[in-house]
Amino acid sequence: MSGYSLRLLISIIFFQKLSYALDDPLVKLSTIEEAASLKVGYGYLLVDLDVGGTGPSIEFVRLKTGDKLYLGQKQKYAVKGDKKLIRLSQDKQGFYVTQLQEGLYQITKINAPYFDLPYKLSTDRDRRWRFSVEAGKVNYIGKLVIKKKRSTKYVGVDLVSRIATDKDRIKSLLTKLPEQVLLRHGTGFRDDFYSTFIDENKE
């Protein structure tokens, strides 16, 4: 192989790895105390985890909606970008954060194996499993529950809105973030009750 060909091959490998790093499909959660400062155009995603099983995870995609953070009940959508994955662990209980670009997201699959019982739940057509992220804010999407006991055909999973009952607890935890930003209800569909509740309790 000539020197030029070798340099060309190295350049191709380098830019492939750089491209992969810029769009890493694995999204990592951190404790609130370990959260990094927000990047421009990003918001904090906040979730309360109550998960069981062996190596549960969720898959999600960003939706192409222009600047909209909600879609109508019957509105169709296209996917923007590649699938993302958050690996969960049964020892990760409580509140965790990560940073995501502003936009509307759809959780498409929940992987919840338990010993030798594999289980996958598709949620790509269920708008209850959408969440939205607004840049420069903390977007609380609720409590993600994956029950430990299950069968090959069933597992108890839910994404429960708890912002009304947990507001004070959440706000005390958010003082540990590297910067103080407003709390927002990050549901992926329009919910006037919770939007009003947050607006009336900003302080």
C-alpha atoms as a PDB file:
ATOM      1  CA  MET A   1       0.000   0.000   0.000  1.00  0.00           C
ATOM      2  CA  SER A   2       1.375   3.416  -0.984  1.00  0.00           C
ATOM      3  CA  GLY A   3       1.885   6.214   1.528  1.00  0.00           C
ATOM      4  CA  TYR A   4      -1.006   8.177  -0.008  1.00  0.00           C
ATOM      5  CA  SER A   5      -3.392   5.213   0.212  1.00  0.00           C
ATOM      6  CA  LEU A   6      -2.429   4.599   3.825  1.00  0.00           C
ATOM      7  CA  ARG A   7      -3.040   8.238   4.777  1.00  0.00           C
ATOM      8  CA  LEU A   8      -6.384   8.158   2.952  1.00  0.00           C
ATOM      9  CA  LEU A   9      -7.434   5.012   4.817  1.00  0.00           C
ATOM     10  CA  ILE A  10      -6.449   6.521   8.187  1.00  0.00           C
ATOM     11  CA  SER A  11      -8.401   9.692   7.368  1.00  0.00           C
ATOM     12  CA  ILE A  12     -11.541   7.700   6.483  1.00  0.00           C
ATOM     13  CA  ILE A  13     -11.361   5.677   9.714  1.00  0.00           C
ATOM     14  CA  PHE A  14     -10.777   8.849  11.757  1.00  0.00           C
ATOM     15  CA  PHE A  15     -13.777  10.696  10.330  1.00  0.00           C
ATOM     16  CA  GLN A  16     -16.003   7.632  10.691  1.00  0.00           C
ATOM     17  CA  LYS A  17     -15.133   7.444  14.380  1.00  0.00           C
ATOM     18  CA  LEU A  18     -15.584  11.205  14.761  1.00  0.00           C
ATOM     19  CA  SER A  19     -19.019  11.037  13.137  1.00  0.00           C
ATOM     20  CA  TYR A  20     -20.026   8.183  15.424  1.00  0.00           C
ATOM     21  CA  ALA A  21     -18.829  10.080  18.501  1.00  0.00           C
ATOM     22  CA  LEU A  22     -20.849  13.139  17.531  1.00  0.00           C
ATOM     23  CA  ASP A  23     -24.017  11.036  17.257  1.00  0.00           C
ATOM     24  CA  ASP A  24     -23.459   8.415  19.931  1.00  0.00           C
ATOM     25  CA  PRO A  25     -26.561   6.181  20.163  1.00  0.00           C
ATOM     26  CA  LEU A  26     -25.920   5.484  23.846  1.00  0.00           C
ATOM     27  CA  VAL A  27     -27.337   8.158  26.172  1.00  0.00           C
ATOM     28  CA  LYS A  28     -25.947   8.016  29.690  1.00  0.00           C
ATOM     29  CA  LEU A  29     -27.815   9.050  32.806  1.00  0.00           C
ATOM     30  CA  SER A  30     -26.109  10.722  35.745  1.00  0.00           C
ATOM     31  CA  THR A  31     -27.106  11.739  39.230  1.00  0.00           C
ATOM     32  CA  ILE A  32     -28.195  15.340  39.650  1.00  0.00           C
ATOM     33  CA  GLU A  33     -25.003  16.055  41.593  1.00  0.00           C
ATOM     34  CA  GLU A  34     -22.876  14.790  38.675  1.00  0.00           C
ATOM     35  CA  ALA A  35     -24.739  16.688  35.928  1.00  0.00           C
ATOM     36  CA  ALA A  36     -22.673  18.804  33.556  1.00  0.00           C
ATOM     37  CA  SER A  37     -23.525  22.373  32.534  1.00  0.00           C
ATOM     38  CA  LEU A  38     -26.019  22.633  29.703  1.00  0.00           C
ATOM     39  CA  LYS A  39     -24.821  22.895  26.115  1.00  0.00           C
ATOM     40  CA  VAL A  40     -26.430  25.456  23.809  1.00  0.00           C
ATOM     41  CA  GLY A  41     -29.698  24.146  22.390  1.00  0.00           C
ATOM     42  CA  TYR A  42     -29.961  21.399  25.023  1.00  0.00           C
ATOM     43  CA  GLY A  43     -32.185  20.871  28.036  1.00  0.00           C
ATOM     44  CA  TYR A  44     -32.013  18.571  31.021  1.00  0.00           C
ATOM     45  CA  LEU A  45     -34.163  15.452  30.879  1.00  0.00           C
ATOM     46  CA  LEU A  46     -35.184  14.448  34.419  1.00  0.00           C
ATOM     47  CA  VAL A  47     -36.649  11.006  35.186  1.00  0.00           C
ATOM     48  CA  ASP A  48     -37.486   9.179  38.389  1.00  0.00           C
ATOM     49  CA  LEU A  49     -36.466   5.514  38.013  1.00  0.00           C
ATOM     50  CA  ASP A  50     -38.080   2.520  39.673  1.00  0.00           C
ATOM     51  CA  VAL A  51     -36.790  -0.379  37.582  1.00  0.00           C
ATOM     52  CA  GLY A  52     -36.213  -4.078  38.137  1.00  0.00           C
ATOM     53  CA  GLY A  53     -34.912  -6.986  36.137  1.00  0.00           C
ATOM     54  CA  THR A  54     -31.647  -7.825  34.398  1.00  0.00           C
ATOM     55  CA  GLY A  55     -30.321  -5.079  32.158  1.00  0.00           C
ATOM     56  CA  PRO A  56     -33.506  -3.167  31.276  1.00  0.00           C
ATOM     57  CA  SER A  57     -33.240  -0.400  28.709  1.00  0.00           C
ATOM     58  CA  ILE A  58     -35.362   1.964  26.649  1.00  0.00           C
ATOM     59  CA  GLU A  59     -35.015   2.960  23.012  1.00  0.00           C
ATOM     60  CA  PHE A  60     -36.241   6.297  21.693  1.00  0.00           C
ATOM     61  CA  VAL A  61     -36.071   8.556  18.660  1.00  0.00           C
ATOM     62  CA  ARG A  62     -36.349  12.274  18.015  1.00  0.00           C
ATOM     63  CA  LEU A  63     -39.334  13.263  15.916  1.00  0.00           C
ATOM     64  CA  LYS A  64     -39.333  15.682  13.010  1.00  0.00           C
ATOM     65  CA  THR A  65     -41.842  18.334  14.067  1.00  0.00           C
ATOM     66  CA  GLY A  66     -40.236  21.657  13.164  1.00  0.00           C
ATOM     67  CA  ASP A  67     -40.283  23.787  16.309  1.00  0.00           C
ATOM     68  CA  LYS A  68     -43.325  22.030  17.828  1.00  0.00           C
ATOM     69  CA  LEU A  69     -42.989  20.205  21.151  1.00  0.00           C
ATOM     70  CA  TYR A  70     -46.375  18.507  20.771  1.00  0.00           C
ATOM     71  CA  LEU A  71     -48.349  16.756  18.046  1.00  0.00           C
ATOM     72  CA  GLY A  72     -52.068  16.312  17.661  1.00  0.00           C
ATOM     73  CA  GLN A  73     -53.565  12.933  18.498  1.00  0.00           C
ATOM     74  CA  LYS A  74     -53.822  11.830  14.875  1.00  0.00           C
ATOM     75  CA  GLN A  75     -50.853  13.723  13.446  1.00  0.00           C
ATOM     76  CA  LYS A  76     -48.317  11.538  11.691  1.00  0.00           C
ATOM     77  CA  TYR A  77     -44.618  12.030  12.286  1.00  0.00           C
ATOM     78  CA  ALA A  78     -41.261  11.246  10.756  1.00  0.00           C
ATOM     79  CA  VAL A  79     -38.120  10.279  12.643  1.00  0.00           C
ATOM     80  CA  LYS A  80     -35.238  12.745  12.854  1.00  0.00           C
ATOM     81  CA  GLY A  81     -31.870  11.058  13.337  1.00  0.00           C
ATOM     82  CA  ASP A  82     -30.933   7.640  14.610  1.00  0.00           C
ATOM     83  CA  LYS A  83     -32.333   5.570  17.445  1.00  0.00           C
ATOM     84  CA  LYS A  84     -31.001   6.300  20.949  1.00  0.00           C
ATOM     85  CA  LEU A  85     -30.616   3.899  23.853  1.00  0.00           C
ATOM     86  CA  ILE A  86     -30.594   4.383  27.616  1.00  0.00           C
ATOM     87  CA  ARG A  87     -29.378   1.387  29.592  1.00  0.00           C
ATOM     88  CA  LEU A  88     -30.957   1.108  33.014  1.00  0.00           C
ATOM     89  CA  SER A  89     -29.980  -0.859  36.086  1.00  0.00           C
ATOM     90  CA  GLN A  90     -31.969  -2.162  39.018  1.00  0.00           C
ATOM     91  CA  ASP A  91     -29.564  -0.361  41.363  1.00  0.00           C
ATOM     92  CA  LYS A  92     -30.447   2.964  39.716  1.00  0.00           C
ATOM     93  CA  GLN A  93     -33.457   4.034  41.722  1.00  0.00           C
ATOM     94  CA  GLY A  94     -34.464   7.666  42.145  1.00  0.00           C
ATOM     95  CA  PHE A  95     -33.888  10.816  40.081  1.00  0.00           C
ATOM     96  CA  TYR A  96     -31.445  10.925  37.152  1.00  0.00           C
ATOM     97  CA  VAL A  97     -30.682  13.447  34.428  1.00  0.00           C
ATOM     98  CA  THR A  98     -29.144  13.653  31.000  1.00  0.00           C
ATOM     99  CA  GLN A  99     -28.919  16.316  28.302  1.00  0.00           C
ATOM    100  CA  LEU A 100     -30.877  16.155  25.049  1.00  0.00           C
ATOM    101  CA  GLN A 101     -31.406  18.537  22.163  1.00  0.00           C
ATOM    102  CA  GLU A 102     -34.635  20.489  22.192  1.00  0.00           C
ATOM    103  CA  GLY A 103     -37.429  18.572  20.513  1.00  0.00           C
ATOM    104  CA  LEU A 104     -40.154  15.960  20.758  1.00  0.00           C
ATOM    105  CA  TYR A 105     -39.159  12.349  21.388  1.00  0.00           C
ATOM    106  CA  GLN A 106     -40.913   8.993  21.190  1.00  0.00           C
ATOM    107  CA  ILE A 107     -39.966   6.014  23.341  1.00  0.00           C
ATOM    108  CA  THR A 108     -40.222   3.195  20.801  1.00  0.00           C
ATOM    109  CA  LYS A 109     -39.266   0.108  22.773  1.00  0.00           C
ATOM    110  CA  ILE A 110     -38.789  -1.058  26.342  1.00  0.00           C
ATOM    111  CA  ASN A 111     -36.414  -3.975  26.838  1.00  0.00           C
ATOM    112  CA  ALA A 112     -37.055  -5.711  30.148  1.00  0.00           C
ATOM    113  CA  PRO A 113     -35.399  -9.142  30.397  1.00  0.00           C
ATOM    114  CA  TYR A 114     -35.533 -11.021  33.698  1.00  0.00           C
ATOM    115  CA  PHE A 115     -33.225 -14.019  34.119  1.00  0.00           C
ATOM    116  CA  ASP A 116     -34.179 -16.280  31.176  1.00  0.00           C
ATOM    117  CA  LEU A 117     -37.383 -14.388  30.400  1.00  0.00           C
ATOM    118  CA  PRO A 118     -36.770 -12.009  27.483  1.00  0.00           C
ATOM    119  CA  TYR A 119     -39.363  -9.325  26.996  1.00  0.00           C
ATOM    120  CA  LYS A 120     -39.683  -6.388  24.614  1.00  0.00           C
ATOM    121  CA  LEU A 121     -42.578  -3.952  24.564  1.00  0.00           C
ATOM    122  CA  SER A 122     -43.077  -1.800  21.471  1.00  0.00           C
ATOM    123  CA  THR A 123     -44.421   1.669  22.258  1.00  0.00           C
ATOM    124  CA  ASP A 124     -43.670   3.466  18.988  1.00  0.00           C
ATOM    125  CA  ARG A 125     -47.362   4.065  18.216  1.00  0.00           C
ATOM    126  CA  ASP A 126     -48.374   5.088  21.733  1.00  0.00           C
ATOM    127  CA  ARG A 127     -48.344   8.854  22.293  1.00  0.00           C
ATOM    128  CA  ARG A 128     -48.357   8.311  26.069  1.00  0.00           C
ATOM    129  CA  TRP A 129     -44.706   7.322  25.678  1.00  0.00           C
ATOM    130  CA  ARG A 130     -43.622  10.641  24.186  1.00  0.00           C
ATOM    131  CA  PHE A 131     -41.658  13.305  25.981  1.00  0.00           C
ATOM    132  CA  SER A 132     -40.506  16.789  25.049  1.00  0.00           C
ATOM    133  CA  VAL A 133     -37.383  18.749  25.859  1.00  0.00           C
ATOM    134  CA  GLU A 134     -37.141  22.531  25.902  1.00  0.00           C
ATOM    135  CA  ALA A 135     -33.652  24.002  25.793  1.00  0.00           C
ATOM    136  CA  GLY A 136     -32.374  25.721  28.910  1.00  0.00           C
ATOM    137  CA  LYS A 137     -34.877  24.026  31.237  1.00  0.00           C
ATOM    138  CA  VAL A 138     -35.296  20.925  33.393  1.00  0.00           C
ATOM    139  CA  ASN A 139     -37.849  18.721  31.644  1.00  0.00           C
ATOM    140  CA  TYR A 140     -39.378  16.249  34.098  1.00  0.00           C
ATOM    141  CA  ILE A 141     -40.967  13.328  32.222  1.00  0.00           C
ATOM    142  CA  GLY A 142     -42.257  11.387  35.247  1.00  0.00           C
ATOM    143  CA  LYS A 143     -41.570   8.133  37.050  1.00  0.00           C
ATOM    144  CA  LEU A 144     -40.495   5.220  34.857  1.00  0.00           C
ATOM    145  CA  VAL A 145     -41.640   1.945  36.417  1.00  0.00           C
ATOM    146  CA  ILE A 146     -40.460  -1.469  35.223  1.00  0.00           C
ATOM    147  CA  LYS A 147     -41.666  -4.132  37.615  1.00  0.00           C
ATOM    148  CA  LYS A 148     -39.341  -6.975  38.512  1.00  0.00           C
ATOM    149  CA  LYS A 149     -41.898  -9.785  38.367  1.00  0.00           C
ATOM    150  CA  ARG A 150     -42.945 -10.727  34.853  1.00  0.00           C
ATOM    151  CA  SER A 151     -43.617 -13.527  32.383  1.00  0.00           C
ATOM    152  CA  THR A 152     -42.586 -14.173  28.785  1.00  0.00           C
ATOM    153  CA  LYS A 153     -45.691 -12.324  27.602  1.00  0.00           C
ATOM    154  CA  TYR A 154     -46.181  -9.581  30.154  1.00  0.00           C
ATOM    155  CA  VAL A 155     -44.278  -7.037  32.191  1.00  0.00           C
ATOM    156  CA  GLY A 156     -45.649  -4.160  34.237  1.00  0.00           C
ATOM    157  CA  VAL A 157     -44.294  -0.906  32.823  1.00  0.00           C
ATOM    158  CA  ASP A 158     -45.547   2.640  33.165  1.00  0.00           C
ATOM    159  CA  LEU A 159     -44.502   6.257  32.827  1.00  0.00           C
ATOM    160  CA  VAL A 160     -46.314   8.026  35.643  1.00  0.00           C
ATOM    161  CA  SER A 161     -46.648  11.783  35.982  1.00  0.00           C
ATOM    162  CA  ARG A 162     -45.747  12.651  39.573  1.00  0.00           C
ATOM    163  CA  ILE A 163     -44.898  16.336  39.286  1.00  0.00           C
ATOM    164  CA  ALA A 164     -47.870  17.522  41.346  1.00  0.00           C
ATOM    165  CA  THR A 165     -46.975  15.318  44.324  1.00  0.00           C
ATOM    166  CA  ASP A 166     -43.168  15.460  44.001  1.00  0.00           C
ATOM    167  CA  LYS A 167     -42.733  19.137  43.068  1.00  0.00           C
ATOM    168  CA  ASP A 168     -41.165  20.245  46.365  1.00  0.00           C
ATOM    169  CA  ARG A 169     -38.833  17.258  46.495  1.00  0.00           C
ATOM    170  CA  ILE A 170     -37.758  17.800  42.898  1.00  0.00           C
ATOM    171  CA  LYS A 171     -37.075  21.499  43.435  1.00  0.00           C
ATOM    172  CA  SER A 172     -34.885  20.773  46.467  1.00  0.00           C
ATOM    173  CA  LEU A 173     -32.855  18.308  44.386  1.00  0.00           C
ATOM    174  CA  LEU A 174     -32.475  20.745  41.487  1.00  0.00           C
ATOM    175  CA  THR A 175     -30.510  23.148  43.693  1.00  0.00           C
ATOM    176  CA  LYS A 176     -27.621  20.678  43.201  1.00  0.00           C
ATOM    177  CA  LEU A 177     -27.462  21.299  39.445  1.00  0.00           C
ATOM    178  CA  PRO A 178     -24.484  23.315  38.174  1.00  0.00           C
ATOM    179  CA  GLU A 179     -26.876  26.054  37.018  1.00  0.00           C
ATOM    180  CA  GLN A 180     -30.355  27.032  38.140  1.00  0.00           C
ATOM    181  CA  VAL A 181     -32.968  26.707  35.409  1.00  0.00           C
ATOM    182  CA  LEU A 182     -36.754  26.496  35.410  1.00  0.00           C
ATOM    183  CA  LEU A 183     -38.593  23.224  35.936  1.00  0.00           C
ATOM    184  CA  ARG A 184     -40.910  22.145  33.140  1.00  0.00           C
ATOM    185  CA  HIS A 185     -43.339  19.255  32.710  1.00  0.00           C
ATOM    186  CA  GLY A 186     -41.812  17.318  29.817  1.00  0.00           C
ATOM    187  CA  THR A 187     -44.831  15.353  28.678  1.00  0.00           C
ATOM    188  CA  GLY A 188     -44.918  14.634  24.953  1.00  0.00           C
ATOM    189  CA  PHE A 189     -48.559  15.566  24.517  1.00  0.00           C
ATOM    190  CA  ARG A 190     -50.504  18.640  25.505  1.00  0.00           C
ATOM    191  CA  ASP A 191     -51.547  18.624  29.159  1.00  0.00           C
ATOM    192  CA  ASP A 192     -53.021  21.961  30.209  1.00  0.00           C
ATOM    193  CA  PHE A 193     -53.416  20.959  33.863  1.00  0.00           C
ATOM    194  CA  TYR A 194     -49.729  20.287  34.422  1.00  0.00           C
ATOM    195  CA  SER A 195     -48.602  23.218  32.298  1.00  0.00           C
ATOM    196  CA  THR A 196     -50.744  25.539  34.414  1.00  0.00           C
ATOM    197  CA  PHE A 197     -49.562  23.831  37.602  1.00  0.00           C
ATOM    198  CA  ILE A 198     -45.921  24.498  36.710  1.00  0.00           C
ATOM    199  CA  ASP A 199     -46.585  28.104  35.673  1.00  0.00           C
ATOM    200  CA  GLU A 200     -48.292  28.796  38.997  1.00  0.00           C
ATOM    201  CA  ASN A 201     -45.456  27.242  40.997  1.00  0.00           C
ATOM    202  CA  LYS A 202     -42.339  28.606  39.317  1.00  0.00           C
ATOM    203  CA  GLU A 203     -41.046  30.267  42.433  1.00  0.00           C
END
